[in-house]
Amino acid sequence: MTARPFSQACENNKRPILQVLQEVLATAREVLELGSGTGQHARFFAEQLPHLRWRPTDLEENLAGIRGWAQEYRGDNLLRPLALDVRDETWPAPVKDAIFTANSLHIVAWPTVQALFSYLGRHAPGGNLLVVYGPFNYGGKYTSASNANFDRWLAARDPDSAIRDFEAVDQLATAAGYRLQADYAMPANNRTLVWRKLG
């Protein structure tokens, strides 16, 4: 059996995120998950949302852990994980109904965030939903003391990591043809942002 990496944060946030996904992805058919990490979310959401085909992706070095979480799942809607770097000119899977990513925009460098939205602007179809979970600043300010502490920890770990300003990310989304559809307050001072591509 493949070793399964474990994230306590994934365990803590999966059910609150599920409540949002049950609402916003009710009519979607296929989700491309970016930065699937341990694979816990992919396994859980595929089980809980059987109407969706769930495609996990991450960098090549993380795929073994994702497969570890997927291997005991008996449903047919959890698709094979693929190696995907959003900075690449082409992705190994098409962008269809929806994209989901959790706790990723504050980890990757800002040029990588820009590359993500640039790709979606060129390749995502009209009506595509983009669902992003994680911490955000608003008006250039932290929403809590814990987020401020977390941002300092991120900077010490990697100076390219940082909690992103909602307004800056929304500007990228707008330039890519998306419009904000919803902004959900989540536990632990996080948000779930939902954009829909026009056209």
N, C-alpha and C. Protein backbone atom coordinates (compact mmCIF):
# COMPACT_ATOMS: atom_id res chain seq x y z
N MET A 1 0.85 -1.19 0.00
CA MET A 1 0.00 0.00 0.00
C MET A 1 0.88 1.25 0.00
N THR A 2 0.56 2.21 -0.84
CA THR A 2 1.32 3.45 -0.91
C THR A 2 1.10 4.26 0.35
N ALA A 3 2.20 4.86 0.87
CA ALA A 3 2.09 5.71 2.04
C ALA A 3 1.19 6.91 1.75
N ARG A 4 0.42 7.28 2.75
CA ARG A 4 -0.52 8.39 2.56
C ARG A 4 -0.08 9.59 3.40
N PRO A 5 0.32 10.69 2.78
CA PRO A 5 0.62 11.89 3.55
C PRO A 5 -0.65 12.40 4.21
N PHE A 6 -0.47 13.12 5.30
CA PHE A 6 -1.63 13.58 6.06
C PHE A 6 -1.49 15.04 6.42
N SER A 7 -2.56 15.81 6.22
CA SER A 7 -2.61 17.21 6.61
C SER A 7 -3.79 17.39 7.56
N GLN A 8 -3.51 17.86 8.78
CA GLN A 8 -4.59 18.11 9.73
C GLN A 8 -5.47 19.25 9.24
N ALA A 9 -4.88 20.22 8.55
CA ALA A 9 -5.68 21.33 8.02
C ALA A 9 -6.73 20.82 7.04
N CYS A 10 -6.35 19.84 6.20
CA CYS A 10 -7.33 19.27 5.26
C CYS A 10 -8.47 18.61 6.01
N GLU A 11 -8.14 17.89 7.07
CA GLU A 11 -9.19 17.25 7.86
C GLU A 11 -10.11 18.29 8.48
N ASN A 12 -9.52 19.39 8.92
CA ASN A 12 -10.32 20.42 9.60
C ASN A 12 -11.24 21.17 8.65
N ASN A 13 -10.77 21.39 7.41
CA ASN A 13 -11.54 22.29 6.53
C ASN A 13 -12.40 21.56 5.49
N LYS A 14 -12.27 20.24 5.38
CA LYS A 14 -12.93 19.55 4.27
C LYS A 14 -14.45 19.64 4.34
N ARG A 15 -15.02 19.56 5.53
CA ARG A 15 -16.49 19.60 5.61
C ARG A 15 -17.05 21.01 5.39
N PRO A 16 -16.44 22.07 5.96
CA PRO A 16 -16.92 23.41 5.60
C PRO A 16 -16.79 23.70 4.10
N ILE A 17 -15.70 23.27 3.49
CA ILE A 17 -15.55 23.48 2.05
C ILE A 17 -16.61 22.69 1.30
N LEU A 18 -16.87 21.45 1.74
CA LEU A 18 -17.88 20.63 1.08
C LEU A 18 -19.23 21.33 1.04
N GLN A 19 -19.60 22.00 2.12
CA GLN A 19 -20.89 22.69 2.15
C GLN A 19 -20.98 23.73 1.03
N VAL A 20 -19.88 24.41 0.76
CA VAL A 20 -19.86 25.39 -0.33
C VAL A 20 -19.92 24.68 -1.68
N LEU A 21 -19.11 23.63 -1.84
CA LEU A 21 -19.06 22.94 -3.12
C LEU A 21 -20.41 22.30 -3.47
N GLN A 22 -21.11 21.79 -2.47
CA GLN A 22 -22.43 21.21 -2.74
C GLN A 22 -23.37 22.24 -3.36
N GLU A 23 -23.18 23.48 -3.00
CA GLU A 23 -24.02 24.56 -3.53
C GLU A 23 -23.53 25.02 -4.90
N VAL A 24 -22.25 25.37 -4.99
CA VAL A 24 -21.78 26.05 -6.21
C VAL A 24 -21.49 25.08 -7.35
N LEU A 25 -21.26 23.80 -7.04
CA LEU A 25 -20.96 22.81 -8.08
C LEU A 25 -22.12 21.85 -8.32
N ALA A 26 -23.30 22.25 -7.93
CA ALA A 26 -24.46 21.35 -8.03
C ALA A 26 -24.73 20.91 -9.46
N THR A 27 -24.45 21.76 -10.43
CA THR A 27 -24.74 21.41 -11.83
C THR A 27 -23.48 21.14 -12.63
N ALA A 28 -22.31 21.19 -11.99
CA ALA A 28 -21.06 20.89 -12.70
C ALA A 28 -20.92 19.39 -12.91
N ARG A 29 -20.09 19.01 -13.84
CA ARG A 29 -19.87 17.59 -14.13
C ARG A 29 -18.43 17.14 -13.91
N GLU A 30 -17.48 18.06 -14.13
CA GLU A 30 -16.08 17.67 -13.98
C GLU A 30 -15.29 18.83 -13.37
N VAL A 31 -14.46 18.48 -12.38
CA VAL A 31 -13.65 19.46 -11.67
C VAL A 31 -12.18 19.12 -11.86
N LEU A 32 -11.41 20.13 -12.20
CA LEU A 32 -9.96 20.02 -12.26
C LEU A 32 -9.42 20.65 -10.99
N GLU A 33 -8.82 19.83 -10.12
CA GLU A 33 -8.27 20.36 -8.88
C GLU A 33 -6.79 20.67 -9.09
N LEU A 34 -6.41 21.89 -8.79
CA LEU A 34 -5.01 22.33 -8.91
C LEU A 34 -4.36 22.30 -7.55
N GLY A 35 -3.17 21.74 -7.48
CA GLY A 35 -2.46 21.67 -6.21
C GLY A 35 -3.14 20.76 -5.22
N SER A 36 -3.37 19.51 -5.61
CA SER A 36 -4.12 18.58 -4.76
C SER A 36 -3.39 18.19 -3.49
N GLY A 37 -2.09 18.46 -3.41
CA GLY A 37 -1.35 18.25 -2.17
C GLY A 37 -1.33 16.81 -1.72
N THR A 38 -1.84 16.55 -0.51
CA THR A 38 -1.82 15.20 0.03
C THR A 38 -2.78 14.26 -0.70
N GLY A 39 -3.83 14.82 -1.31
CA GLY A 39 -4.85 13.99 -1.95
C GLY A 39 -6.07 13.76 -1.08
N GLN A 40 -6.04 14.26 0.16
CA GLN A 40 -7.18 14.05 1.06
C GLN A 40 -8.45 14.70 0.53
N HIS A 41 -8.33 15.92 0.05
CA HIS A 41 -9.51 16.60 -0.47
C HIS A 41 -10.08 15.85 -1.67
N ALA A 42 -9.22 15.44 -2.58
CA ALA A 42 -9.70 14.76 -3.79
C ALA A 42 -10.51 13.52 -3.43
N ARG A 43 -9.98 12.72 -2.54
CA ARG A 43 -10.68 11.50 -2.12
C ARG A 43 -12.02 11.84 -1.46
N PHE A 44 -12.00 12.78 -0.53
CA PHE A 44 -13.21 13.12 0.23
C PHE A 44 -14.27 13.73 -0.67
N PHE A 45 -13.89 14.69 -1.50
CA PHE A 45 -14.88 15.36 -2.34
C PHE A 45 -15.43 14.44 -3.42
N ALA A 46 -14.61 13.54 -3.94
CA ALA A 46 -15.11 12.57 -4.91
C ALA A 46 -16.17 11.66 -4.27
N GLU A 47 -15.92 11.25 -3.03
CA GLU A 47 -16.88 10.41 -2.32
C GLU A 47 -18.19 11.16 -2.05
N GLN A 48 -18.06 12.40 -1.63
CA GLN A 48 -19.22 13.16 -1.19
C GLN A 48 -19.99 13.81 -2.34
N LEU A 49 -19.35 13.94 -3.49
CA LEU A 49 -19.97 14.58 -4.66
C LEU A 49 -19.93 13.61 -5.84
N PRO A 50 -20.67 12.52 -5.76
CA PRO A 50 -20.56 11.47 -6.77
C PRO A 50 -21.02 11.90 -8.16
N HIS A 51 -21.72 13.04 -8.27
CA HIS A 51 -22.14 13.51 -9.59
C HIS A 51 -20.98 14.15 -10.36
N LEU A 52 -19.84 14.37 -9.66
CA LEU A 52 -18.69 15.03 -10.29
C LEU A 52 -17.59 14.02 -10.63
N ARG A 53 -16.97 14.23 -11.77
CA ARG A 53 -15.70 13.59 -12.07
C ARG A 53 -14.61 14.52 -11.55
N TRP A 54 -13.81 14.01 -10.60
CA TRP A 54 -12.82 14.85 -9.90
C TRP A 54 -11.42 14.47 -10.38
N ARG A 55 -10.71 15.45 -10.98
CA ARG A 55 -9.37 15.21 -11.52
C ARG A 55 -8.33 15.91 -10.64
N PRO A 56 -7.61 15.17 -9.79
CA PRO A 56 -6.55 15.80 -8.99
C PRO A 56 -5.29 16.03 -9.83
N THR A 57 -4.59 17.12 -9.52
CA THR A 57 -3.31 17.40 -10.17
C THR A 57 -2.37 18.02 -9.15
N ASP A 58 -1.09 17.88 -9.43
CA ASP A 58 -0.06 18.53 -8.61
C ASP A 58 1.26 18.33 -9.32
N LEU A 59 2.33 18.83 -8.71
CA LEU A 59 3.66 18.58 -9.25
C LEU A 59 3.95 17.08 -9.16
N GLU A 60 4.80 16.63 -10.04
CA GLU A 60 5.09 15.19 -10.17
C GLU A 60 5.46 14.55 -8.83
N GLU A 61 6.24 15.26 -8.01
CA GLU A 61 6.74 14.65 -6.77
C GLU A 61 5.63 14.41 -5.74
N ASN A 62 4.46 14.99 -5.94
CA ASN A 62 3.35 14.81 -4.99
C ASN A 62 2.32 13.77 -5.43
N LEU A 63 2.48 13.23 -6.63
CA LEU A 63 1.44 12.34 -7.15
C LEU A 63 1.34 11.02 -6.41
N ALA A 64 2.47 10.52 -5.90
CA ALA A 64 2.43 9.22 -5.19
C ALA A 64 1.53 9.31 -3.97
N GLY A 65 1.61 10.40 -3.23
CA GLY A 65 0.75 10.56 -2.06
C GLY A 65 -0.71 10.66 -2.43
N ILE A 66 -1.00 11.36 -3.53
CA ILE A 66 -2.39 11.46 -3.99
C ILE A 66 -2.92 10.08 -4.37
N ARG A 67 -2.09 9.31 -5.06
CA ARG A 67 -2.50 7.94 -5.42
C ARG A 67 -2.73 7.10 -4.17
N GLY A 68 -1.95 7.36 -3.12
CA GLY A 68 -2.13 6.63 -1.87
C GLY A 68 -3.52 6.83 -1.29
N TRP A 69 -4.03 8.06 -1.36
CA TRP A 69 -5.37 8.32 -0.86
C TRP A 69 -6.45 7.77 -1.79
N ALA A 70 -6.15 7.70 -3.07
CA ALA A 70 -7.15 7.28 -4.05
C ALA A 70 -7.28 5.77 -4.18
N GLN A 71 -6.25 5.01 -3.79
CA GLN A 71 -6.19 3.61 -4.17
C GLN A 71 -7.29 2.74 -3.55
N GLU A 72 -7.81 3.14 -2.40
CA GLU A 72 -8.87 2.33 -1.78
C GLU A 72 -10.27 2.81 -2.13
N TYR A 73 -10.35 3.87 -2.92
CA TYR A 73 -11.66 4.40 -3.29
C TYR A 73 -12.26 3.54 -4.38
N ARG A 74 -13.49 3.11 -4.19
CA ARG A 74 -14.11 2.16 -5.12
C ARG A 74 -15.01 2.85 -6.15
N GLY A 75 -15.23 4.13 -6.02
CA GLY A 75 -16.02 4.84 -7.02
C GLY A 75 -15.25 5.02 -8.31
N ASP A 76 -15.96 5.41 -9.37
CA ASP A 76 -15.31 5.60 -10.66
C ASP A 76 -15.20 7.07 -11.05
N ASN A 77 -15.51 7.99 -10.12
CA ASN A 77 -15.49 9.41 -10.45
C ASN A 77 -14.24 10.14 -9.96
N LEU A 78 -13.31 9.42 -9.31
CA LEU A 78 -12.02 10.01 -8.93
C LEU A 78 -11.02 9.61 -10.00
N LEU A 79 -10.63 10.56 -10.82
CA LEU A 79 -9.80 10.29 -11.98
C LEU A 79 -8.32 10.20 -11.60
N ARG A 80 -7.55 9.64 -12.49
CA ARG A 80 -6.11 9.47 -12.26
C ARG A 80 -5.43 10.83 -12.08
N PRO A 81 -4.61 10.97 -11.03
CA PRO A 81 -3.93 12.26 -10.83
C PRO A 81 -2.89 12.51 -11.93
N LEU A 82 -2.78 13.77 -12.31
CA LEU A 82 -1.87 14.16 -13.38
C LEU A 82 -0.85 15.17 -12.87
N ALA A 83 0.34 15.12 -13.43
CA ALA A 83 1.36 16.12 -13.13
C ALA A 83 1.01 17.40 -13.87
N LEU A 84 0.89 18.50 -13.12
CA LEU A 84 0.51 19.78 -13.72
C LEU A 84 1.21 20.91 -12.98
N ASP A 85 1.88 21.75 -13.74
CA ASP A 85 2.48 22.97 -13.24
C ASP A 85 1.78 24.11 -13.97
N VAL A 86 1.10 24.99 -13.23
CA VAL A 86 0.29 26.02 -13.88
C VAL A 86 1.14 26.98 -14.72
N ARG A 87 2.46 26.96 -14.54
CA ARG A 87 3.33 27.83 -15.34
C ARG A 87 3.59 27.28 -16.73
N ASP A 88 3.22 26.02 -16.97
CA ASP A 88 3.48 25.41 -18.28
C ASP A 88 2.58 26.01 -19.35
N GLU A 89 3.06 25.98 -20.57
CA GLU A 89 2.29 26.53 -21.69
C GLU A 89 1.05 25.69 -22.00
N THR A 90 1.14 24.39 -21.77
CA THR A 90 -0.01 23.52 -21.98
C THR A 90 -0.21 22.67 -20.73
N TRP A 91 -1.48 22.39 -20.42
CA TRP A 91 -1.80 21.54 -19.28
C TRP A 91 -2.21 20.16 -19.79
N PRO A 92 -2.02 19.11 -18.99
CA PRO A 92 -2.29 17.75 -19.44
C PRO A 92 -3.77 17.37 -19.44
N ALA A 93 -4.62 18.24 -18.93
CA ALA A 93 -6.06 17.98 -18.92
C ALA A 93 -6.78 19.26 -19.31
N PRO A 94 -7.86 19.15 -20.05
CA PRO A 94 -8.59 20.36 -20.46
C PRO A 94 -9.31 21.00 -19.29
N VAL A 95 -9.49 22.30 -19.37
CA VAL A 95 -10.31 23.03 -18.40
C VAL A 95 -11.76 22.91 -18.84
N LYS A 96 -12.60 22.35 -17.97
CA LYS A 96 -14.00 22.13 -18.35
C LYS A 96 -14.93 22.95 -17.46
N ASP A 97 -15.78 22.28 -16.69
CA ASP A 97 -16.83 22.97 -15.94
C ASP A 97 -16.28 23.84 -14.81
N ALA A 98 -15.33 23.27 -14.06
CA ALA A 98 -14.92 23.95 -12.83
C ALA A 98 -13.48 23.63 -12.47
N ILE A 99 -12.89 24.58 -11.75
CA ILE A 99 -11.55 24.41 -11.19
C ILE A 99 -11.66 24.67 -9.70
N PHE A 100 -10.96 23.84 -8.92
CA PHE A 100 -10.91 24.03 -7.47
C PHE A 100 -9.46 24.02 -7.04
N THR A 101 -9.13 24.92 -6.12
CA THR A 101 -7.80 24.88 -5.52
C THR A 101 -7.89 25.38 -4.09
N ALA A 102 -7.18 24.73 -3.20
CA ALA A 102 -7.23 25.07 -1.78
C ALA A 102 -5.82 25.33 -1.26
N ASN A 103 -5.68 26.40 -0.51
CA ASN A 103 -4.42 26.72 0.17
C ASN A 103 -3.23 26.67 -0.78
N SER A 104 -3.38 27.33 -1.91
CA SER A 104 -2.32 27.32 -2.91
C SER A 104 -1.82 28.71 -3.28
N LEU A 105 -2.72 29.69 -3.40
CA LEU A 105 -2.29 31.00 -3.90
C LEU A 105 -1.31 31.69 -2.97
N HIS A 106 -1.37 31.41 -1.68
CA HIS A 106 -0.42 32.02 -0.76
C HIS A 106 0.88 31.24 -0.65
N ILE A 107 0.92 30.06 -1.22
CA ILE A 107 2.13 29.23 -1.18
C ILE A 107 3.03 29.51 -2.37
N VAL A 108 2.43 29.57 -3.56
CA VAL A 108 3.22 29.79 -4.77
C VAL A 108 3.60 31.27 -4.90
N ALA A 109 4.61 31.53 -5.72
CA ALA A 109 5.04 32.91 -5.96
C ALA A 109 3.98 33.67 -6.75
N TRP A 110 3.98 34.99 -6.61
CA TRP A 110 3.00 35.81 -7.31
C TRP A 110 3.03 35.62 -8.82
N PRO A 111 4.20 35.52 -9.46
CA PRO A 111 4.19 35.25 -10.91
C PRO A 111 3.48 33.95 -11.27
N THR A 112 3.48 32.98 -10.37
CA THR A 112 2.75 31.74 -10.63
C THR A 112 1.25 31.97 -10.55
N VAL A 113 0.81 32.79 -9.61
CA VAL A 113 -0.61 33.17 -9.55
C VAL A 113 -1.00 33.87 -10.85
N GLN A 114 -0.15 34.77 -11.32
CA GLN A 114 -0.42 35.47 -12.57
C GLN A 114 -0.49 34.48 -13.74
N ALA A 115 0.41 33.51 -13.75
CA ALA A 115 0.42 32.51 -14.83
C ALA A 115 -0.87 31.70 -14.83
N LEU A 116 -1.37 31.37 -13.65
CA LEU A 116 -2.63 30.63 -13.54
C LEU A 116 -3.76 31.38 -14.22
N PHE A 117 -3.94 32.63 -13.88
CA PHE A 117 -5.04 33.40 -14.44
C PHE A 117 -4.83 33.69 -15.92
N SER A 118 -3.59 33.87 -16.32
CA SER A 118 -3.32 34.07 -17.74
C SER A 118 -3.73 32.85 -18.55
N TYR A 119 -3.43 31.66 -18.04
CA TYR A 119 -3.81 30.43 -18.74
C TYR A 119 -5.33 30.31 -18.81
N LEU A 120 -6.00 30.58 -17.70
CA LEU A 120 -7.46 30.47 -17.69
C LEU A 120 -8.09 31.49 -18.63
N GLY A 121 -7.48 32.66 -18.73
CA GLY A 121 -8.00 33.65 -19.65
C GLY A 121 -7.95 33.19 -21.09
N ARG A 122 -6.93 32.39 -21.42
CA ARG A 122 -6.76 31.91 -22.79
C ARG A 122 -7.53 30.62 -23.06
N HIS A 123 -7.68 29.76 -22.04
CA HIS A 123 -8.14 28.40 -22.31
C HIS A 123 -9.44 27.98 -21.62
N ALA A 124 -9.85 28.66 -20.55
CA ALA A 124 -11.07 28.24 -19.86
C ALA A 124 -12.29 28.63 -20.68
N PRO A 125 -13.28 27.76 -20.78
CA PRO A 125 -14.49 28.09 -21.54
C PRO A 125 -15.40 29.04 -20.77
N GLY A 126 -16.28 29.69 -21.48
CA GLY A 126 -17.29 30.52 -20.84
C GLY A 126 -18.15 29.69 -19.90
N GLY A 127 -18.48 30.26 -18.77
CA GLY A 127 -19.26 29.53 -17.76
C GLY A 127 -18.41 28.78 -16.77
N ASN A 128 -17.10 28.65 -17.03
CA ASN A 128 -16.22 27.94 -16.11
C ASN A 128 -16.24 28.58 -14.73
N LEU A 129 -16.32 27.73 -13.71
CA LEU A 129 -16.27 28.20 -12.32
C LEU A 129 -14.88 28.00 -11.76
N LEU A 130 -14.38 29.01 -11.08
CA LEU A 130 -13.10 28.94 -10.38
C LEU A 130 -13.38 29.11 -8.90
N VAL A 131 -13.06 28.07 -8.10
CA VAL A 131 -13.34 28.07 -6.67
C VAL A 131 -12.00 28.01 -5.94
N VAL A 132 -11.72 29.03 -5.13
CA VAL A 132 -10.42 29.15 -4.46
C VAL A 132 -10.65 29.28 -2.96
N TYR A 133 -10.01 28.38 -2.20
CA TYR A 133 -10.10 28.41 -0.74
C TYR A 133 -8.75 28.84 -0.16
N GLY A 134 -8.80 29.68 0.86
CA GLY A 134 -7.58 30.05 1.55
C GLY A 134 -7.72 31.39 2.24
N PRO A 135 -6.64 31.89 2.85
CA PRO A 135 -6.67 33.19 3.51
C PRO A 135 -6.47 34.31 2.50
N PHE A 136 -7.12 35.44 2.73
CA PHE A 136 -6.95 36.63 1.89
C PHE A 136 -6.96 37.88 2.76
N ASN A 137 -6.23 38.88 2.31
CA ASN A 137 -6.32 40.21 2.89
C ASN A 137 -7.36 41.01 2.13
N TYR A 138 -7.95 41.98 2.81
CA TYR A 138 -8.93 42.87 2.19
C TYR A 138 -8.52 44.31 2.48
N GLY A 139 -8.50 45.12 1.42
CA GLY A 139 -8.08 46.50 1.61
C GLY A 139 -6.66 46.61 2.13
N GLY A 140 -5.83 45.62 1.77
CA GLY A 140 -4.44 45.63 2.21
C GLY A 140 -4.24 45.31 3.68
N LYS A 141 -5.29 44.82 4.36
CA LYS A 141 -5.20 44.55 5.79
C LYS A 141 -5.52 43.09 6.09
N TYR A 142 -4.88 42.57 7.13
CA TYR A 142 -5.18 41.23 7.59
C TYR A 142 -6.57 41.19 8.20
N THR A 143 -7.22 40.05 8.06
CA THR A 143 -8.56 39.90 8.64
C THR A 143 -8.51 39.41 10.09
N SER A 144 -7.31 39.03 10.57
CA SER A 144 -7.18 38.56 11.94
C SER A 144 -5.72 38.60 12.35
N ALA A 145 -5.47 38.58 13.64
CA ALA A 145 -4.10 38.52 14.15
C ALA A 145 -3.44 37.19 13.77
N SER A 146 -4.24 36.14 13.75
CA SER A 146 -3.66 34.83 13.39
C SER A 146 -3.19 34.82 11.94
N ASN A 147 -3.91 35.50 11.05
CA ASN A 147 -3.46 35.58 9.66
C ASN A 147 -2.18 36.40 9.54
N ALA A 148 -2.06 37.46 10.33
CA ALA A 148 -0.83 38.25 10.34
C ALA A 148 0.35 37.39 10.79
N ASN A 149 0.14 36.61 11.82
CA ASN A 149 1.20 35.71 12.30
C ASN A 149 1.54 34.67 11.24
N PHE A 150 0.50 34.14 10.59
CA PHE A 150 0.72 33.14 9.55
C PHE A 150 1.51 33.73 8.39
N ASP A 151 1.22 34.97 8.03
CA ASP A 151 1.94 35.61 6.93
C ASP A 151 3.41 35.80 7.27
N ARG A 152 3.71 36.15 8.51
CA ARG A 152 5.11 36.26 8.93
C ARG A 152 5.80 34.92 8.87
N TRP A 153 5.08 33.87 9.24
CA TRP A 153 5.65 32.52 9.16
C TRP A 153 5.93 32.14 7.70
N LEU A 154 4.99 32.48 6.81
CA LEU A 154 5.18 32.20 5.39
C LEU A 154 6.42 32.90 4.86
N ALA A 155 6.58 34.18 5.21
CA ALA A 155 7.72 34.95 4.72
C ALA A 155 9.04 34.39 5.21
N ALA A 156 9.06 33.91 6.45
CA ALA A 156 10.29 33.32 6.99
C ALA A 156 10.61 32.00 6.30
N ARG A 157 9.58 31.27 5.94
CA ARG A 157 9.75 29.98 5.28
C ARG A 157 10.15 30.15 3.82
N ASP A 158 9.53 31.11 3.14
CA ASP A 158 9.77 31.33 1.71
C ASP A 158 9.34 32.76 1.38
N PRO A 159 10.27 33.64 1.04
CA PRO A 159 9.90 35.04 0.78
C PRO A 159 8.96 35.22 -0.40
N ASP A 160 8.80 34.20 -1.24
CA ASP A 160 7.86 34.29 -2.36
C ASP A 160 6.42 33.96 -1.95
N SER A 161 6.25 33.44 -0.75
CA SER A 161 4.92 33.10 -0.25
C SER A 161 4.34 34.27 0.52
N ALA A 162 3.04 34.45 0.43
CA ALA A 162 2.38 35.53 1.17
C ALA A 162 0.88 35.40 1.03
N ILE A 163 0.15 35.84 2.06
CA ILE A 163 -1.30 35.95 1.92
C ILE A 163 -1.58 37.03 0.87
N ARG A 164 -2.40 36.70 -0.11
CA ARG A 164 -2.64 37.62 -1.22
C ARG A 164 -3.77 38.60 -0.89
N ASP A 165 -3.67 39.77 -1.49
CA ASP A 165 -4.76 40.74 -1.38
C ASP A 165 -5.89 40.32 -2.30
N PHE A 166 -7.10 40.26 -1.75
CA PHE A 166 -8.25 39.89 -2.55
C PHE A 166 -8.36 40.77 -3.79
N GLU A 167 -8.17 42.06 -3.63
CA GLU A 167 -8.36 42.98 -4.74
C GLU A 167 -7.38 42.69 -5.89
N ALA A 168 -6.15 42.32 -5.56
CA ALA A 168 -5.16 42.02 -6.60
C ALA A 168 -5.53 40.74 -7.34
N VAL A 169 -6.01 39.74 -6.60
CA VAL A 169 -6.41 38.49 -7.24
C VAL A 169 -7.66 38.71 -8.08
N ASP A 170 -8.60 39.47 -7.56
CA ASP A 170 -9.82 39.74 -8.31
C ASP A 170 -9.51 40.51 -9.59
N GLN A 171 -8.51 41.37 -9.56
CA GLN A 171 -8.11 42.10 -10.76
C GLN A 171 -7.58 41.13 -11.82
N LEU A 172 -6.79 40.15 -11.39
CA LEU A 172 -6.32 39.12 -12.33
C LEU A 172 -7.49 38.34 -12.91
N ALA A 173 -8.43 37.99 -12.06
CA ALA A 173 -9.59 37.23 -12.51
C ALA A 173 -10.40 38.04 -13.53
N THR A 174 -10.59 39.32 -13.24
CA THR A 174 -11.35 40.17 -14.15
C THR A 174 -10.66 40.27 -15.50
N ALA A 175 -9.33 40.42 -15.48
CA ALA A 175 -8.58 40.50 -16.73
C ALA A 175 -8.67 39.21 -17.53
N ALA A 176 -8.89 38.08 -16.83
CA ALA A 176 -9.01 36.78 -17.49
C ALA A 176 -10.44 36.49 -17.94
N GLY A 177 -11.34 37.43 -17.71
CA GLY A 177 -12.71 37.25 -18.16
C GLY A 177 -13.67 36.72 -17.13
N TYR A 178 -13.25 36.67 -15.86
CA TYR A 178 -14.08 36.16 -14.78
C TYR A 178 -14.74 37.31 -14.02
N ARG A 179 -15.85 36.99 -13.38
CA ARG A 179 -16.51 37.92 -12.47
C ARG A 179 -16.80 37.20 -11.17
N LEU A 180 -16.58 37.90 -10.06
CA LEU A 180 -16.81 37.29 -8.75
C LEU A 180 -18.28 36.97 -8.59
N GLN A 181 -18.55 35.73 -8.19
CA GLN A 181 -19.93 35.28 -7.98
C GLN A 181 -20.27 35.19 -6.50
N ALA A 182 -19.29 34.82 -5.67
CA ALA A 182 -19.56 34.67 -4.23
C ALA A 182 -18.27 34.72 -3.45
N ASP A 183 -18.38 35.14 -2.20
CA ASP A 183 -17.25 35.22 -1.27
C ASP A 183 -17.77 34.71 0.07
N TYR A 184 -17.36 33.49 0.43
CA TYR A 184 -17.86 32.83 1.63
C TYR A 184 -16.85 32.97 2.76
N ALA A 185 -17.31 33.42 3.93
CA ALA A 185 -16.48 33.38 5.13
C ALA A 185 -16.41 31.93 5.61
N MET A 186 -15.19 31.50 5.95
CA MET A 186 -14.95 30.12 6.36
C MET A 186 -14.30 30.11 7.75
N PRO A 187 -14.29 28.95 8.41
CA PRO A 187 -13.61 28.85 9.70
C PRO A 187 -12.12 29.18 9.58
N ALA A 188 -11.52 29.52 10.72
CA ALA A 188 -10.09 29.78 10.82
C ALA A 188 -9.66 30.96 9.95
N ASN A 189 -10.56 31.94 9.77
CA ASN A 189 -10.25 33.18 9.06
C ASN A 189 -9.85 32.95 7.60
N ASN A 190 -10.45 31.96 6.99
CA ASN A 190 -10.25 31.70 5.57
C ASN A 190 -11.49 32.13 4.78
N ARG A 191 -11.38 32.10 3.46
CA ARG A 191 -12.47 32.43 2.56
C ARG A 191 -12.57 31.37 1.48
N THR A 192 -13.74 31.25 0.89
CA THR A 192 -13.88 30.53 -0.36
C THR A 192 -14.45 31.52 -1.38
N LEU A 193 -13.67 31.78 -2.41
CA LEU A 193 -14.03 32.73 -3.46
C LEU A 193 -14.47 31.97 -4.69
N VAL A 194 -15.53 32.42 -5.32
CA VAL A 194 -16.07 31.75 -6.50
C VAL A 194 -16.19 32.78 -7.62
N TRP A 195 -15.49 32.52 -8.72
CA TRP A 195 -15.60 33.34 -9.91
C TRP A 195 -16.22 32.52 -11.04
N ARG A 196 -16.96 33.17 -11.94
CA ARG A 196 -17.48 32.53 -13.13
C ARG A 196 -16.98 33.29 -14.35
N LYS A 197 -16.53 32.52 -15.36
CA LYS A 197 -16.04 33.16 -16.58
C LYS A 197 -17.22 33.55 -17.47
N LEU A 198 -17.17 34.77 -17.96
CA LEU A 198 -18.23 35.26 -18.83
C LEU A 198 -18.10 34.65 -20.22
N GLY A 199 -19.20 34.72 -20.96
CA GLY A 199 -19.14 34.23 -22.33
C GLY A 199 -19.72 32.85 -22.49
